[in-house]
Amino acid sequence: MLFQVKSRRVHEMARRDHFANALIPHGHQQNWDLIGKVIKEMERITSQWPDAETEVTVEGKNDLWGRYDSLIDARVGLGEDFRDVVRVDISRRSGDFDDVDRYLSVTLDKRKSETSWVYASGPVKRVCEDLVRRLQSYILEVVNHPQAPAVAAHPAGRKGVPGLDELAETLARFPGFLRSLTSSKEPNVKPPRVEKEKDLQVLVGACLRLIYNDVRPEDYISEYAGGRSRVDFFLPEVGIVVETKMIRESLSDRRVGEELLIDFGRYSSRPDCCGILAVIYDPKMILENPAGLEFDLSRSTSATRVIVVR
């Protein structure tokens, strides 16, 4: 996994005051024509970046791996092996390699178990979000995705409709919402009892219906590894999957992380999924490092947010 190490290293070195990302739904055909168009578009929308450089990294079967300065160099260097490529990372950065102040990347992966995404980091949050939306929209249009116009606006939400970041901030207040209900002295208002995951889903679903017009519970995704997978909620207005998880005594930090990573791979196979939010409810404070879990999983794939509420 040399590619993942390299990609993470660049992200760490960049002065990431702000970042934005968005999923590219599976179902498109990765090909060299598409990659060439993406590179040209990336260079066009970052043409004002000083000292900007482009880099193409490929990963494939039989430990195939390579890093090139251009698509032409990649095609020449790979030769006939280009057919074995399964993952391509296109990055555009401004500044020295050890002092990157702006960074834009696109990852295209053929494997349904993996995710494809757009990522941007830099000193201005709005600029990062705009770059991600424009590039995601461009890619979906190039591959003739049927929902390209709607999906392009999903990661940040449309005007008046909360997107992924806003939804995560709202549901992070879930414990206060519960305390308000349980401390009520009104005899006609019965406090909720959250004893199992299904109870949590009912309350989260009720919160979602205060925000979105269309909330689809227990929505199924297409076949994955021989079976169908169910998501707790899907929000078509913004293309967000919401997953809930209630922590039990038998669940360790590591096991929770592993289960969610598997889920993220499944959910991203939905052609209309552009973001994933996992709400982890840990009222007994079983998790040893909830902040670390949030940080690691929110960075593990593109357009994912993980919040632990207690």
Protein backbone atom coordinates (compact mmCIF):
# COMPACT_ATOMS: atom_id res chain seq x y z
CA MET A 1 0.00 0.00 0.00
CA LEU A 2 2.74 2.45 -0.96
CA PHE A 3 0.15 4.74 -2.53
CA GLN A 4 -1.78 5.17 0.70
CA VAL A 5 1.37 5.99 2.63
CA LYS A 6 2.42 8.56 0.04
CA SER A 7 -1.02 10.15 -0.18
CA ARG A 8 -1.36 10.45 3.58
CA ARG A 9 2.16 11.91 3.80
CA VAL A 10 1.32 14.69 1.37
CA HIS A 11 -1.88 15.49 3.26
CA GLU A 12 0.03 15.71 6.52
CA MET A 13 2.68 18.00 5.04
CA ALA A 14 0.17 20.38 3.52
CA ARG A 15 -0.72 23.38 5.64
CA ARG A 16 -4.23 22.05 6.04
CA ASP A 17 -5.97 24.95 7.69
CA HIS A 18 -9.11 23.72 5.93
CA PHE A 19 -10.12 20.79 3.75
CA ALA A 20 -13.08 19.48 1.80
CA ASN A 21 -13.84 16.19 0.09
CA ALA A 22 -16.57 14.38 -1.82
CA LEU A 23 -17.22 10.87 -3.03
CA ILE A 24 -17.35 9.95 -6.69
CA PRO A 25 -20.07 7.29 -6.91
CA HIS A 26 -19.09 3.93 -8.33
CA GLY A 27 -20.48 2.82 -11.64
CA HIS A 28 -18.31 4.91 -13.95
CA GLN A 29 -15.69 3.28 -16.16
CA GLN A 30 -12.17 4.28 -15.20
CA ASN A 31 -10.17 4.79 -18.39
CA TRP A 32 -7.21 6.78 -19.62
CA ASP A 33 -9.35 9.18 -21.61
CA LEU A 34 -11.22 10.11 -18.42
CA ILE A 35 -7.95 10.47 -16.50
CA GLY A 36 -6.57 12.80 -19.17
CA LYS A 37 -9.67 15.00 -19.05
CA VAL A 38 -9.54 15.14 -15.24
CA ILE A 39 -5.90 16.24 -15.30
CA LYS A 40 -6.66 19.03 -17.78
CA GLU A 41 -9.60 20.22 -15.68
CA MET A 42 -7.52 20.14 -12.47
CA GLU A 43 -4.80 22.18 -14.14
CA ARG A 44 -7.36 24.62 -15.53
CA ILE A 45 -9.09 25.37 -12.22
CA THR A 46 -5.74 25.71 -10.41
CA SER A 47 -3.97 27.65 -13.14
CA GLN A 48 -3.43 30.59 -10.76
CA TRP A 49 -1.57 28.50 -8.19
CA PRO A 50 2.11 29.53 -7.98
CA ASP A 51 4.68 26.83 -8.70
CA ALA A 52 1.93 24.24 -9.16
CA GLU A 53 2.90 20.67 -10.07
CA THR A 54 0.92 17.64 -11.18
CA GLU A 55 1.65 14.07 -10.14
CA VAL A 56 0.07 10.77 -11.19
CA THR A 57 0.39 7.71 -8.96
CA VAL A 58 -0.87 4.29 -10.04
CA GLU A 59 -1.46 1.04 -8.18
CA GLY A 60 -2.43 -2.30 -9.69
CA LYS A 61 -2.30 -6.06 -9.72
CA ASN A 62 0.83 -8.01 -8.79
CA ASP A 63 2.26 -5.14 -6.70
CA LEU A 64 2.16 -2.74 -9.64
CA TRP A 65 3.00 0.79 -8.47
CA GLY A 66 4.42 3.89 -10.07
CA ARG A 67 4.64 7.66 -9.74
CA TYR A 68 4.86 9.98 -12.76
CA ASP A 69 4.95 13.68 -13.61
CA SER A 70 2.41 13.43 -16.42
CA LEU A 71 -0.09 11.08 -18.03
CA ILE A 72 2.21 10.59 -21.03
CA ASP A 73 5.04 9.52 -18.75
CA ALA A 74 2.67 7.10 -17.00
CA ARG A 75 1.53 5.49 -20.26
CA VAL A 76 5.11 5.14 -21.50
CA GLY A 77 6.41 3.85 -18.18
CA LEU A 78 3.61 1.33 -17.71
CA GLY A 79 3.58 -0.01 -21.26
CA GLU A 80 1.21 -2.97 -21.54
CA ASP A 81 0.89 -3.04 -17.75
CA PHE A 82 -1.54 -0.14 -17.90
CA ARG A 83 -4.32 -2.74 -18.24
CA ASP A 84 -3.53 -3.98 -14.74
CA VAL A 85 -3.98 -0.59 -13.07
CA VAL A 86 -6.87 -0.57 -10.58
CA ARG A 87 -6.24 2.71 -8.77
CA VAL A 88 -5.08 6.11 -10.00
CA ASP A 89 -4.33 9.11 -7.78
CA ILE A 90 -3.98 12.48 -9.53
CA SER A 91 -2.62 15.24 -7.33
CA ARG A 92 -2.03 18.93 -7.91
CA ARG A 93 -0.06 20.90 -5.33
CA SER A 94 1.27 24.43 -4.93
CA GLY A 95 4.53 25.17 -3.15
CA ASP A 96 7.55 23.05 -2.30
CA PHE A 97 7.02 19.34 -1.64
CA ASP A 98 7.93 19.90 2.02
CA ASP A 99 5.76 23.01 2.34
CA VAL A 100 2.52 22.45 0.42
CA ASP A 101 0.02 25.26 0.95
CA ARG A 102 -2.66 24.17 -1.55
CA TYR A 103 -3.50 20.63 -2.53
CA LEU A 104 -6.09 19.06 -4.85
CA SER A 105 -6.42 15.37 -5.67
CA VAL A 106 -8.69 12.89 -7.40
CA THR A 107 -8.62 9.17 -6.68
CA LEU A 108 -10.27 6.78 -9.14
CA ASP A 109 -10.56 3.15 -8.04
CA LYS A 110 -12.15 0.31 -10.02
CA ARG A 111 -12.72 -1.87 -6.95
CA LYS A 112 -16.21 -1.65 -5.46
CA SER A 113 -14.77 -2.35 -2.02
CA GLU A 114 -12.79 0.90 -2.24
CA THR A 115 -13.84 4.51 -2.68
CA SER A 116 -13.21 7.12 -5.34
CA TRP A 117 -13.12 10.74 -4.28
CA VAL A 118 -12.06 14.35 -4.70
CA TYR A 119 -10.04 16.07 -1.97
CA ALA A 120 -8.79 19.63 -1.49
CA SER A 121 -6.91 21.43 1.29
CA GLY A 122 -5.75 24.99 1.72
CA PRO A 123 -5.95 28.19 3.77
CA VAL A 124 -9.54 29.13 2.77
CA LYS A 125 -12.39 26.70 3.49
CA ARG A 126 -14.78 28.14 0.91
CA VAL A 127 -12.16 27.80 -1.83
CA CYS A 128 -11.55 24.15 -0.90
CA GLU A 129 -15.29 23.39 -1.00
CA ASP A 130 -15.70 25.16 -4.32
CA LEU A 131 -12.81 23.24 -5.92
CA VAL A 132 -14.22 19.93 -4.73
CA ARG A 133 -17.75 20.67 -5.96
CA ARG A 134 -16.56 21.90 -9.35
CA LEU A 135 -14.29 18.92 -9.94
CA GLN A 136 -16.83 16.37 -8.71
CA SER A 137 -19.48 17.92 -10.96
CA TYR A 138 -17.12 17.87 -13.93
CA ILE A 139 -16.26 14.18 -13.46
CA LEU A 140 -19.89 13.14 -13.14
CA GLU A 141 -20.75 15.03 -16.30
CA VAL A 142 -17.87 13.44 -18.21
CA VAL A 143 -18.96 9.91 -17.22
CA ASN A 144 -22.62 10.77 -18.01
CA HIS A 145 -23.78 9.98 -14.51
CA PRO A 146 -27.62 10.17 -14.50
CA GLN A 147 -27.73 12.31 -11.37
CA ALA A 148 -24.75 14.52 -12.14
CA PRO A 149 -26.47 17.92 -11.59
CA ALA A 150 -27.96 16.91 -8.23
CA VAL A 151 -24.94 15.07 -6.94
CA ALA A 152 -22.61 17.95 -7.66
CA ALA A 153 -24.22 20.01 -4.90
CA HIS A 154 -24.55 17.21 -2.36
CA PRO A 155 -21.34 17.41 -0.31
CA ALA A 156 -21.96 20.92 0.95
CA GLY A 157 -25.74 20.78 0.71
CA ARG A 158 -28.00 23.07 -1.29
CA LYS A 159 -29.15 26.47 -0.11
CA GLY A 160 -31.23 25.96 3.02
CA VAL A 161 -30.47 22.20 3.12
CA PRO A 162 -27.72 21.13 5.57
CA GLY A 163 -24.86 19.15 4.08
CA LEU A 164 -22.54 16.63 5.69
CA ASP A 165 -20.63 19.02 7.97
CA GLU A 166 -23.76 20.80 9.15
CA LEU A 167 -25.55 17.51 9.84
CA ALA A 168 -22.60 16.21 11.85
CA GLU A 169 -22.57 19.39 13.94
CA THR A 170 -26.31 19.09 14.56
CA LEU A 171 -26.27 15.43 15.64
CA ALA A 172 -23.26 16.09 17.87
CA ARG A 173 -25.81 17.84 20.12
CA PHE A 174 -27.80 14.61 20.48
CA PRO A 175 -26.88 14.10 24.19
CA GLY A 176 -28.26 17.55 25.06
CA PHE A 177 -31.45 16.68 23.17
CA LEU A 178 -31.83 13.50 25.24
CA ARG A 179 -31.10 15.26 28.54
CA SER A 180 -33.76 17.83 27.74
CA LEU A 181 -36.36 15.09 27.29
CA THR A 182 -35.33 12.96 30.26
CA SER A 183 -35.27 15.93 32.65
CA SER A 184 -38.74 17.12 31.68
CA LYS A 185 -41.17 17.24 34.60
CA GLU A 186 -44.22 17.25 32.37
CA PRO A 187 -46.28 14.11 33.17
CA ASN A 188 -47.48 13.79 29.58
CA VAL A 189 -43.96 13.80 28.14
CA LYS A 190 -42.41 10.39 28.69
CA PRO A 191 -38.60 10.36 28.63
CA PRO A 192 -37.09 8.11 25.95
CA ARG A 193 -35.16 5.00 26.96
CA VAL A 194 -32.20 4.18 24.73
CA GLU A 195 -31.33 0.60 25.64
CA LYS A 196 -30.57 -0.90 22.24
CA GLU A 197 -29.52 0.24 18.78
CA LYS A 198 -33.09 0.18 17.46
CA ASP A 199 -34.06 2.76 20.11
CA LEU A 200 -31.20 4.96 18.94
CA GLN A 201 -32.32 4.64 15.32
CA VAL A 202 -35.85 5.79 16.17
CA LEU A 203 -34.60 8.96 17.86
CA VAL A 204 -31.99 9.76 15.21
CA GLY A 205 -34.61 9.21 12.52
CA ALA A 206 -36.94 11.65 14.27
CA CYS A 207 -34.16 14.25 14.37
CA LEU A 208 -33.44 13.77 10.67
CA ARG A 209 -37.10 14.36 9.81
CA LEU A 210 -36.88 17.77 11.44
CA ILE A 211 -34.18 18.69 8.92
CA TYR A 212 -34.92 16.84 5.65
CA ASN A 213 -38.09 16.26 3.66
CA ASP A 214 -37.10 12.80 2.46
CA VAL A 215 -35.66 10.37 5.04
CA ARG A 216 -35.52 6.74 3.97
CA PRO A 217 -34.97 4.26 6.83
CA GLU A 218 -33.48 0.80 6.34
CA ASP A 219 -32.66 1.52 2.73
CA TYR A 220 -30.87 -1.23 0.81
CA ILE A 221 -27.86 -0.88 -1.41
CA SER A 222 -27.09 -3.08 -4.36
CA GLU A 223 -25.50 -6.51 -4.04
CA TYR A 224 -22.11 -6.48 -2.38
CA ALA A 225 -19.97 -9.59 -1.94
CA GLY A 226 -22.91 -11.84 -2.76
CA GLY A 227 -25.54 -10.14 -0.61
CA ARG A 228 -27.53 -6.97 -0.03
CA SER A 229 -26.47 -4.46 2.61
CA ARG A 230 -28.84 -2.23 4.55
CA VAL A 231 -28.11 1.33 5.63
CA ASP A 232 -29.91 2.85 8.61
CA PHE A 233 -30.96 6.00 6.76
CA PHE A 234 -30.47 7.51 3.33
CA LEU A 235 -31.10 11.20 2.59
CA PRO A 236 -31.71 11.59 -1.17
CA GLU A 237 -31.77 15.40 -0.98
CA VAL A 238 -28.08 15.48 -0.12
CA GLY A 239 -26.89 11.97 -1.03
CA ILE A 240 -25.88 11.17 2.57
CA VAL A 241 -25.94 7.77 4.25
CA VAL A 242 -26.44 7.90 8.04
CA GLU A 243 -25.29 4.91 10.08
CA THR A 244 -25.94 4.53 13.82
CA LYS A 245 -24.01 2.34 16.21
CA MET A 246 -24.60 1.82 19.92
CA ILE A 247 -21.55 0.74 21.89
CA ARG A 248 -21.82 -2.47 23.92
CA GLU A 249 -19.43 -3.92 26.47
CA SER A 250 -18.07 -6.36 23.87
CA LEU A 251 -17.12 -3.62 21.40
CA SER A 252 -13.57 -2.26 21.54
CA ASP A 253 -12.30 0.85 19.75
CA ARG A 254 -10.51 -1.34 17.22
CA ARG A 255 -13.53 -3.51 16.47
CA VAL A 256 -15.80 -0.49 16.02
CA GLY A 257 -13.28 1.02 13.61
CA GLU A 258 -12.96 -2.19 11.61
CA GLU A 259 -16.74 -2.64 11.33
CA LEU A 260 -17.27 0.94 10.16
CA LEU A 261 -14.49 0.75 7.57
CA ILE A 262 -16.18 -2.31 6.06
CA ASP A 263 -19.53 -0.49 6.10
CA PHE A 264 -18.02 2.57 4.43
CA GLY A 265 -16.77 0.42 1.56
CA ARG A 266 -20.22 -1.06 1.08
CA TYR A 267 -22.13 2.20 1.29
CA SER A 268 -19.89 3.99 -1.19
CA SER A 269 -20.94 1.44 -3.84
CA ARG A 270 -24.30 3.23 -4.03
CA PRO A 271 -24.24 5.31 -7.21
CA ASP A 272 -26.09 8.13 -5.40
CA CYS A 273 -23.98 8.15 -2.22
CA CYS A 274 -21.85 11.28 -1.85
CA GLY A 275 -21.28 11.30 1.90
CA ILE A 276 -21.42 9.05 4.97
CA LEU A 277 -22.10 10.03 8.57
CA ALA A 278 -21.65 7.53 11.40
CA VAL A 279 -23.23 8.38 14.75
CA ILE A 280 -21.68 6.33 17.56
CA TYR A 281 -23.62 6.43 20.84
CA ASP A 282 -21.48 5.55 23.85
CA PRO A 283 -23.53 6.47 26.97
CA LYS A 284 -21.52 4.18 29.28
CA MET A 285 -18.21 5.62 28.03
CA ILE A 286 -16.84 2.23 27.01
CA LEU A 287 -14.61 3.54 24.22
CA GLU A 288 -11.09 4.33 25.40
CA ASN A 289 -10.20 6.90 22.74
CA PRO A 290 -13.36 8.35 21.14
CA ALA A 291 -11.56 11.43 19.82
CA GLY A 292 -8.97 9.25 18.07
CA LEU A 293 -11.72 7.09 16.58
CA GLU A 294 -13.50 10.16 15.22
CA PHE A 295 -10.31 11.59 13.75
CA ASP A 296 -9.01 8.38 12.15
CA LEU A 297 -12.32 7.26 10.63
CA SER A 298 -13.26 10.71 9.38
CA ARG A 299 -9.99 10.69 7.39
CA SER A 300 -10.08 7.01 6.34
CA THR A 301 -12.19 7.59 3.26
CA SER A 302 -13.43 10.59 1.41
CA ALA A 303 -16.56 12.43 2.53
CA THR A 304 -17.02 10.55 5.80
CA ARG A 305 -17.72 12.01 9.21
CA VAL A 306 -17.74 10.06 12.46
CA ILE A 307 -19.06 11.51 15.71
CA VAL A 308 -19.08 9.85 19.14
CA VAL A 309 -21.84 11.12 21.44
CA ARG A 310 -22.16 10.29 25.15
